[in-house]
Amino acid sequence: MIGKRTVKERPVPLAEVLMVLEKEKKAGELEYGQRLTYDYAQKLVKLDPKKAKELMEELLKLERLREHQVVALVDLMPETKEDVELIFAKERTRLEEDEIKKILDIINKYRE
């Protein structure tokens, strides 16, 4: 386990998780759960931590999006309107067409 107690809890993108686990790996061997998470993050991370943070900040400027929704958008990097709608399918937030277009435009600027 990385720490002994929870100090603060917040949703973070996989790119940040990977960065933290890479630091832990350099300091010593990872525990089983950390290794699984590290492998998972390595396979699925689509942005480097700096770009992921910039994208999160830009998406958070859109007033209807909450932090956990933005993290999902950054991790999944949706390509179509339908992809965005799937991310928000179980959310109370219902996005308008123009909001979805803004989200996709912002995400497309960060696509590698």
N, C-alpha and C. Protein backbone atom coordinates (compact mmCIF):
# COMPACT_ATOMS: atom_id res chain seq x y z
N MET A 1 0.84 -1.17 0.00
CA MET A 1 0.00 0.00 0.00
C MET A 1 0.89 1.24 0.00
N ILE A 2 0.49 2.25 -0.73
CA ILE A 2 1.31 3.44 -0.87
C ILE A 2 1.40 4.19 0.45
N GLY A 3 0.30 4.35 1.14
CA GLY A 3 0.31 5.09 2.39
C GLY A 3 -0.35 4.29 3.50
N LYS A 4 -0.25 4.80 4.70
CA LYS A 4 -0.82 4.12 5.86
C LYS A 4 -2.25 4.56 6.14
N ARG A 5 -2.58 5.78 5.70
CA ARG A 5 -3.94 6.28 5.96
C ARG A 5 -4.36 7.20 4.83
N THR A 6 -5.65 7.43 4.72
CA THR A 6 -6.18 8.31 3.70
C THR A 6 -6.13 9.74 4.20
N VAL A 7 -5.45 10.59 3.47
CA VAL A 7 -5.35 12.00 3.84
C VAL A 7 -6.40 12.80 3.07
N LYS A 8 -6.51 12.48 1.79
CA LYS A 8 -7.44 13.21 0.93
C LYS A 8 -7.83 12.26 -0.21
N GLU A 9 -9.05 12.36 -0.62
CA GLU A 9 -9.54 11.48 -1.66
C GLU A 9 -10.08 12.32 -2.81
N ARG A 10 -9.64 12.01 -4.04
CA ARG A 10 -10.13 12.72 -5.22
C ARG A 10 -9.91 11.83 -6.44
N PRO A 11 -10.75 11.97 -7.44
CA PRO A 11 -10.56 11.18 -8.66
C PRO A 11 -9.35 11.71 -9.44
N VAL A 12 -8.54 10.80 -9.95
CA VAL A 12 -7.36 11.18 -10.73
C VAL A 12 -7.33 10.38 -12.02
N PRO A 13 -6.78 10.96 -13.07
CA PRO A 13 -6.69 10.22 -14.34
C PRO A 13 -5.62 9.12 -14.24
N LEU A 14 -5.75 8.12 -15.08
CA LEU A 14 -4.81 7.00 -15.10
C LEU A 14 -3.37 7.46 -15.33
N ALA A 15 -3.18 8.54 -16.08
CA ALA A 15 -1.83 9.04 -16.33
C ALA A 15 -1.16 9.43 -15.01
N GLU A 16 -1.91 10.02 -14.11
CA GLU A 16 -1.36 10.41 -12.81
C GLU A 16 -1.10 9.18 -11.94
N VAL A 17 -1.99 8.21 -12.01
CA VAL A 17 -1.81 6.96 -11.27
C VAL A 17 -0.52 6.28 -11.72
N LEU A 18 -0.32 6.22 -13.03
CA LEU A 18 0.88 5.60 -13.58
C LEU A 18 2.14 6.33 -13.11
N MET A 19 2.10 7.65 -13.08
CA MET A 19 3.24 8.45 -12.64
C MET A 19 3.58 8.13 -11.18
N VAL A 20 2.56 8.08 -10.32
CA VAL A 20 2.78 7.77 -8.90
C VAL A 20 3.36 6.37 -8.73
N LEU A 21 2.80 5.42 -9.45
CA LEU A 21 3.29 4.04 -9.33
C LEU A 21 4.70 3.87 -9.89
N GLU A 22 5.06 4.64 -10.93
CA GLU A 22 6.43 4.59 -11.45
C GLU A 22 7.41 5.10 -10.40
N LYS A 23 7.03 6.15 -9.67
CA LYS A 23 7.89 6.66 -8.58
C LYS A 23 8.04 5.61 -7.49
N GLU A 24 6.94 4.95 -7.14
CA GLU A 24 6.98 3.90 -6.12
C GLU A 24 7.85 2.72 -6.57
N LYS A 25 7.75 2.41 -7.86
CA LYS A 25 8.53 1.29 -8.40
C LYS A 25 10.03 1.58 -8.33
N LYS A 26 10.41 2.83 -8.58
CA LYS A 26 11.82 3.21 -8.48
C LYS A 26 12.31 3.14 -7.04
N ALA A 27 11.42 3.44 -6.09
CA ALA A 27 11.78 3.43 -4.67
C ALA A 27 11.88 2.00 -4.12
N GLY A 28 11.19 1.08 -4.73
CA GLY A 28 11.21 -0.30 -4.24
C GLY A 28 10.21 -1.13 -5.02
N GLU A 29 10.07 -2.37 -4.64
CA GLU A 29 9.17 -3.27 -5.35
C GLU A 29 7.71 -2.96 -5.02
N LEU A 30 6.86 -3.06 -6.05
CA LEU A 30 5.43 -2.82 -5.87
C LEU A 30 4.75 -4.04 -5.27
N GLU A 31 3.72 -3.80 -4.48
CA GLU A 31 2.91 -4.90 -3.95
C GLU A 31 2.03 -5.44 -5.07
N TYR A 32 1.38 -6.56 -4.81
CA TYR A 32 0.58 -7.24 -5.84
C TYR A 32 -0.47 -6.33 -6.46
N GLY A 33 -1.28 -5.67 -5.65
CA GLY A 33 -2.33 -4.79 -6.16
C GLY A 33 -1.77 -3.62 -6.94
N GLN A 34 -0.64 -3.11 -6.49
CA GLN A 34 0.01 -2.01 -7.19
C GLN A 34 0.54 -2.47 -8.54
N ARG A 35 1.09 -3.68 -8.60
CA ARG A 35 1.59 -4.21 -9.88
C ARG A 35 0.45 -4.39 -10.87
N LEU A 36 -0.67 -4.90 -10.41
CA LEU A 36 -1.83 -5.06 -11.30
C LEU A 36 -2.30 -3.71 -11.83
N THR A 37 -2.37 -2.73 -10.95
CA THR A 37 -2.79 -1.39 -11.35
C THR A 37 -1.78 -0.77 -12.30
N TYR A 38 -0.50 -0.97 -12.03
CA TYR A 38 0.57 -0.45 -12.89
C TYR A 38 0.45 -1.03 -14.29
N ASP A 39 0.27 -2.35 -14.39
CA ASP A 39 0.13 -3.00 -15.70
C ASP A 39 -1.09 -2.48 -16.44
N TYR A 40 -2.20 -2.36 -15.73
CA TYR A 40 -3.45 -1.86 -16.31
C TYR A 40 -3.25 -0.44 -16.83
N ALA A 41 -2.65 0.41 -16.03
CA ALA A 41 -2.45 1.82 -16.42
C ALA A 41 -1.51 1.91 -17.62
N GLN A 42 -0.46 1.11 -17.63
CA GLN A 42 0.47 1.13 -18.76
C GLN A 42 -0.23 0.82 -20.08
N LYS A 43 -1.16 -0.10 -20.05
CA LYS A 43 -1.86 -0.51 -21.26
C LYS A 43 -2.88 0.53 -21.73
N LEU A 44 -3.47 1.26 -20.78
CA LEU A 44 -4.60 2.11 -21.15
C LEU A 44 -4.35 3.61 -21.16
N VAL A 45 -3.23 4.06 -20.63
CA VAL A 45 -2.97 5.51 -20.59
C VAL A 45 -2.77 6.03 -22.00
N LYS A 46 -3.50 7.10 -22.32
CA LYS A 46 -3.45 7.66 -23.66
C LYS A 46 -2.72 9.01 -23.72
N LEU A 47 -2.47 9.61 -22.56
CA LEU A 47 -1.79 10.91 -22.50
C LEU A 47 -0.72 10.88 -21.43
N ASP A 48 0.28 11.74 -21.59
CA ASP A 48 1.25 11.88 -20.51
C ASP A 48 0.60 12.71 -19.40
N PRO A 49 1.12 12.63 -18.17
CA PRO A 49 0.48 13.30 -17.03
C PRO A 49 0.28 14.80 -17.21
N LYS A 50 1.24 15.47 -17.85
CA LYS A 50 1.13 16.92 -18.05
C LYS A 50 -0.04 17.26 -18.96
N LYS A 51 -0.14 16.55 -20.09
CA LYS A 51 -1.24 16.80 -21.02
C LYS A 51 -2.58 16.41 -20.40
N ALA A 52 -2.60 15.33 -19.63
CA ALA A 52 -3.84 14.91 -18.97
C ALA A 52 -4.32 15.99 -18.01
N LYS A 53 -3.39 16.58 -17.28
CA LYS A 53 -3.76 17.64 -16.34
C LYS A 53 -4.27 18.87 -17.07
N GLU A 54 -3.60 19.24 -18.17
CA GLU A 54 -4.05 20.38 -18.97
C GLU A 54 -5.45 20.14 -19.53
N LEU A 55 -5.69 18.94 -20.03
CA LEU A 55 -7.00 18.59 -20.57
C LEU A 55 -8.06 18.64 -19.48
N MET A 56 -7.73 18.11 -18.30
CA MET A 56 -8.68 18.16 -17.18
C MET A 56 -9.05 19.60 -16.84
N GLU A 57 -8.05 20.45 -16.75
CA GLU A 57 -8.30 21.86 -16.40
C GLU A 57 -9.19 22.52 -17.44
N GLU A 58 -8.95 22.22 -18.71
CA GLU A 58 -9.75 22.83 -19.77
C GLU A 58 -11.20 22.31 -19.73
N LEU A 59 -11.36 21.02 -19.49
CA LEU A 59 -12.71 20.45 -19.42
C LEU A 59 -13.46 20.93 -18.17
N LEU A 60 -12.75 21.14 -17.08
CA LEU A 60 -13.40 21.62 -15.85
C LEU A 60 -13.93 23.04 -15.99
N LYS A 61 -13.44 23.76 -16.99
CA LYS A 61 -13.95 25.11 -17.24
C LYS A 61 -15.39 25.07 -17.77
N LEU A 62 -15.76 23.94 -18.36
CA LEU A 62 -17.15 23.78 -18.81
C LEU A 62 -17.98 23.58 -17.55
N GLU A 63 -18.92 24.45 -17.31
CA GLU A 63 -19.58 24.52 -16.00
C GLU A 63 -20.41 23.31 -15.60
N ARG A 64 -20.87 22.50 -16.51
CA ARG A 64 -21.75 21.39 -16.14
C ARG A 64 -21.01 20.11 -15.78
N LEU A 65 -19.71 20.08 -16.01
CA LEU A 65 -18.95 18.85 -15.77
C LEU A 65 -18.35 18.83 -14.37
N ARG A 66 -18.46 17.66 -13.73
CA ARG A 66 -17.86 17.48 -12.40
C ARG A 66 -16.53 16.74 -12.56
N GLU A 67 -15.76 16.75 -11.50
CA GLU A 67 -14.40 16.23 -11.58
C GLU A 67 -14.35 14.75 -11.99
N HIS A 68 -15.21 13.92 -11.42
CA HIS A 68 -15.16 12.50 -11.77
C HIS A 68 -15.56 12.25 -13.23
N GLN A 69 -16.42 13.10 -13.77
CA GLN A 69 -16.81 12.98 -15.17
C GLN A 69 -15.65 13.36 -16.08
N VAL A 70 -14.95 14.41 -15.69
CA VAL A 70 -13.79 14.86 -16.47
C VAL A 70 -12.70 13.80 -16.47
N VAL A 71 -12.48 13.15 -15.34
CA VAL A 71 -11.48 12.08 -15.26
C VAL A 71 -11.85 10.95 -16.22
N ALA A 72 -13.11 10.59 -16.27
CA ALA A 72 -13.56 9.53 -17.20
C ALA A 72 -13.32 9.96 -18.64
N LEU A 73 -13.61 11.22 -18.95
CA LEU A 73 -13.38 11.72 -20.31
C LEU A 73 -11.90 11.69 -20.67
N VAL A 74 -11.05 12.08 -19.74
CA VAL A 74 -9.60 12.09 -19.99
C VAL A 74 -9.08 10.67 -20.17
N ASP A 75 -9.52 9.74 -19.33
CA ASP A 75 -9.06 8.36 -19.42
C ASP A 75 -9.53 7.67 -20.69
N LEU A 76 -10.76 7.92 -21.09
CA LEU A 76 -11.34 7.20 -22.22
C LEU A 76 -11.15 7.91 -23.56
N MET A 77 -10.92 9.22 -23.54
CA MET A 77 -10.71 10.01 -24.75
C MET A 77 -11.74 9.66 -25.84
N PRO A 78 -13.02 9.90 -25.58
CA PRO A 78 -14.05 9.53 -26.55
C PRO A 78 -13.86 10.22 -27.90
N GLU A 79 -14.24 9.52 -28.96
CA GLU A 79 -14.05 10.04 -30.31
C GLU A 79 -15.35 10.50 -30.95
N THR A 80 -16.48 9.98 -30.48
CA THR A 80 -17.76 10.31 -31.11
C THR A 80 -18.76 10.80 -30.07
N LYS A 81 -19.82 11.38 -30.58
CA LYS A 81 -20.92 11.85 -29.74
C LYS A 81 -21.49 10.70 -28.92
N GLU A 82 -21.62 9.54 -29.55
CA GLU A 82 -22.17 8.37 -28.87
C GLU A 82 -21.28 7.92 -27.72
N ASP A 83 -19.96 8.02 -27.91
CA ASP A 83 -19.02 7.66 -26.84
C ASP A 83 -19.23 8.56 -25.62
N VAL A 84 -19.38 9.85 -25.86
CA VAL A 84 -19.60 10.80 -24.77
C VAL A 84 -20.93 10.49 -24.08
N GLU A 85 -21.95 10.21 -24.86
CA GLU A 85 -23.27 9.89 -24.29
C GLU A 85 -23.20 8.64 -23.42
N LEU A 86 -22.40 7.65 -23.82
CA LEU A 86 -22.25 6.44 -23.02
C LEU A 86 -21.59 6.74 -21.67
N ILE A 87 -20.62 7.63 -21.67
CA ILE A 87 -19.95 8.00 -20.42
C ILE A 87 -20.94 8.64 -19.46
N PHE A 88 -21.88 9.40 -20.00
CA PHE A 88 -22.85 10.12 -19.18
C PHE A 88 -24.18 9.38 -19.03
N ALA A 89 -24.25 8.14 -19.48
CA ALA A 89 -25.51 7.39 -19.48
C ALA A 89 -26.10 7.22 -18.08
N LYS A 90 -25.27 7.01 -17.07
CA LYS A 90 -25.78 6.80 -15.71
C LYS A 90 -25.68 8.05 -14.84
N GLU A 91 -25.33 9.14 -15.45
CA GLU A 91 -25.20 10.40 -14.72
C GLU A 91 -26.51 11.18 -14.77
N ARG A 92 -26.68 12.04 -13.82
CA ARG A 92 -27.85 12.92 -13.83
C ARG A 92 -27.67 14.05 -14.85
N THR A 93 -26.43 14.34 -15.17
CA THR A 93 -26.14 15.41 -16.12
C THR A 93 -26.55 14.97 -17.52
N ARG A 94 -27.37 15.74 -18.16
CA ARG A 94 -27.75 15.50 -19.55
C ARG A 94 -27.15 16.62 -20.38
N LEU A 95 -26.30 16.24 -21.31
CA LEU A 95 -25.59 17.22 -22.11
C LEU A 95 -26.35 17.54 -23.39
N GLU A 96 -26.29 18.79 -23.78
CA GLU A 96 -26.87 19.25 -25.05
C GLU A 96 -25.88 18.95 -26.17
N GLU A 97 -26.36 18.99 -27.41
CA GLU A 97 -25.51 18.71 -28.57
C GLU A 97 -24.29 19.63 -28.62
N ASP A 98 -24.50 20.92 -28.35
CA ASP A 98 -23.39 21.86 -28.43
C ASP A 98 -22.36 21.61 -27.33
N GLU A 99 -22.80 21.15 -26.16
CA GLU A 99 -21.86 20.83 -25.09
C GLU A 99 -21.01 19.61 -25.45
N ILE A 100 -21.65 18.61 -26.05
CA ILE A 100 -20.92 17.42 -26.48
C ILE A 100 -19.89 17.80 -27.54
N LYS A 101 -20.28 18.67 -28.46
CA LYS A 101 -19.36 19.12 -29.51
C LYS A 101 -18.17 19.85 -28.90
N LYS A 102 -18.40 20.71 -27.89
CA LYS A 102 -17.31 21.42 -27.22
C LYS A 102 -16.36 20.43 -26.56
N ILE A 103 -16.93 19.42 -25.89
CA ILE A 103 -16.11 18.40 -25.22
C ILE A 103 -15.23 17.69 -26.24
N LEU A 104 -15.82 17.25 -27.35
CA LEU A 104 -15.06 16.53 -28.37
C LEU A 104 -14.00 17.42 -29.01
N ASP A 105 -14.31 18.70 -29.23
CA ASP A 105 -13.33 19.63 -29.80
C ASP A 105 -12.13 19.79 -28.87
N ILE A 106 -12.40 19.92 -27.58
CA ILE A 106 -11.31 20.06 -26.60
C ILE A 106 -10.48 18.79 -26.56
N ILE A 107 -11.11 17.63 -26.51
CA ILE A 107 -10.38 16.36 -26.44
C ILE A 107 -9.55 16.15 -27.71
N ASN A 108 -10.10 16.51 -28.85
CA ASN A 108 -9.37 16.31 -30.12
C ASN A 108 -8.10 17.14 -30.19
N LYS A 109 -8.04 18.27 -29.48
CA LYS A 109 -6.82 19.07 -29.46
C LYS A 109 -5.68 18.34 -28.75
N TYR A 110 -6.01 17.42 -27.84
CA TYR A 110 -5.01 16.71 -27.05
C TYR A 110 -4.71 15.30 -27.55
N ARG A 111 -5.38 14.89 -28.61
CA ARG A 111 -5.19 13.54 -29.11
C ARG A 111 -3.79 13.41 -29.71
N GLU A 112 -3.10 12.34 -29.40
CA GLU A 112 -1.73 12.13 -29.89
C GLU A 112 -1.71 11.36 -31.18
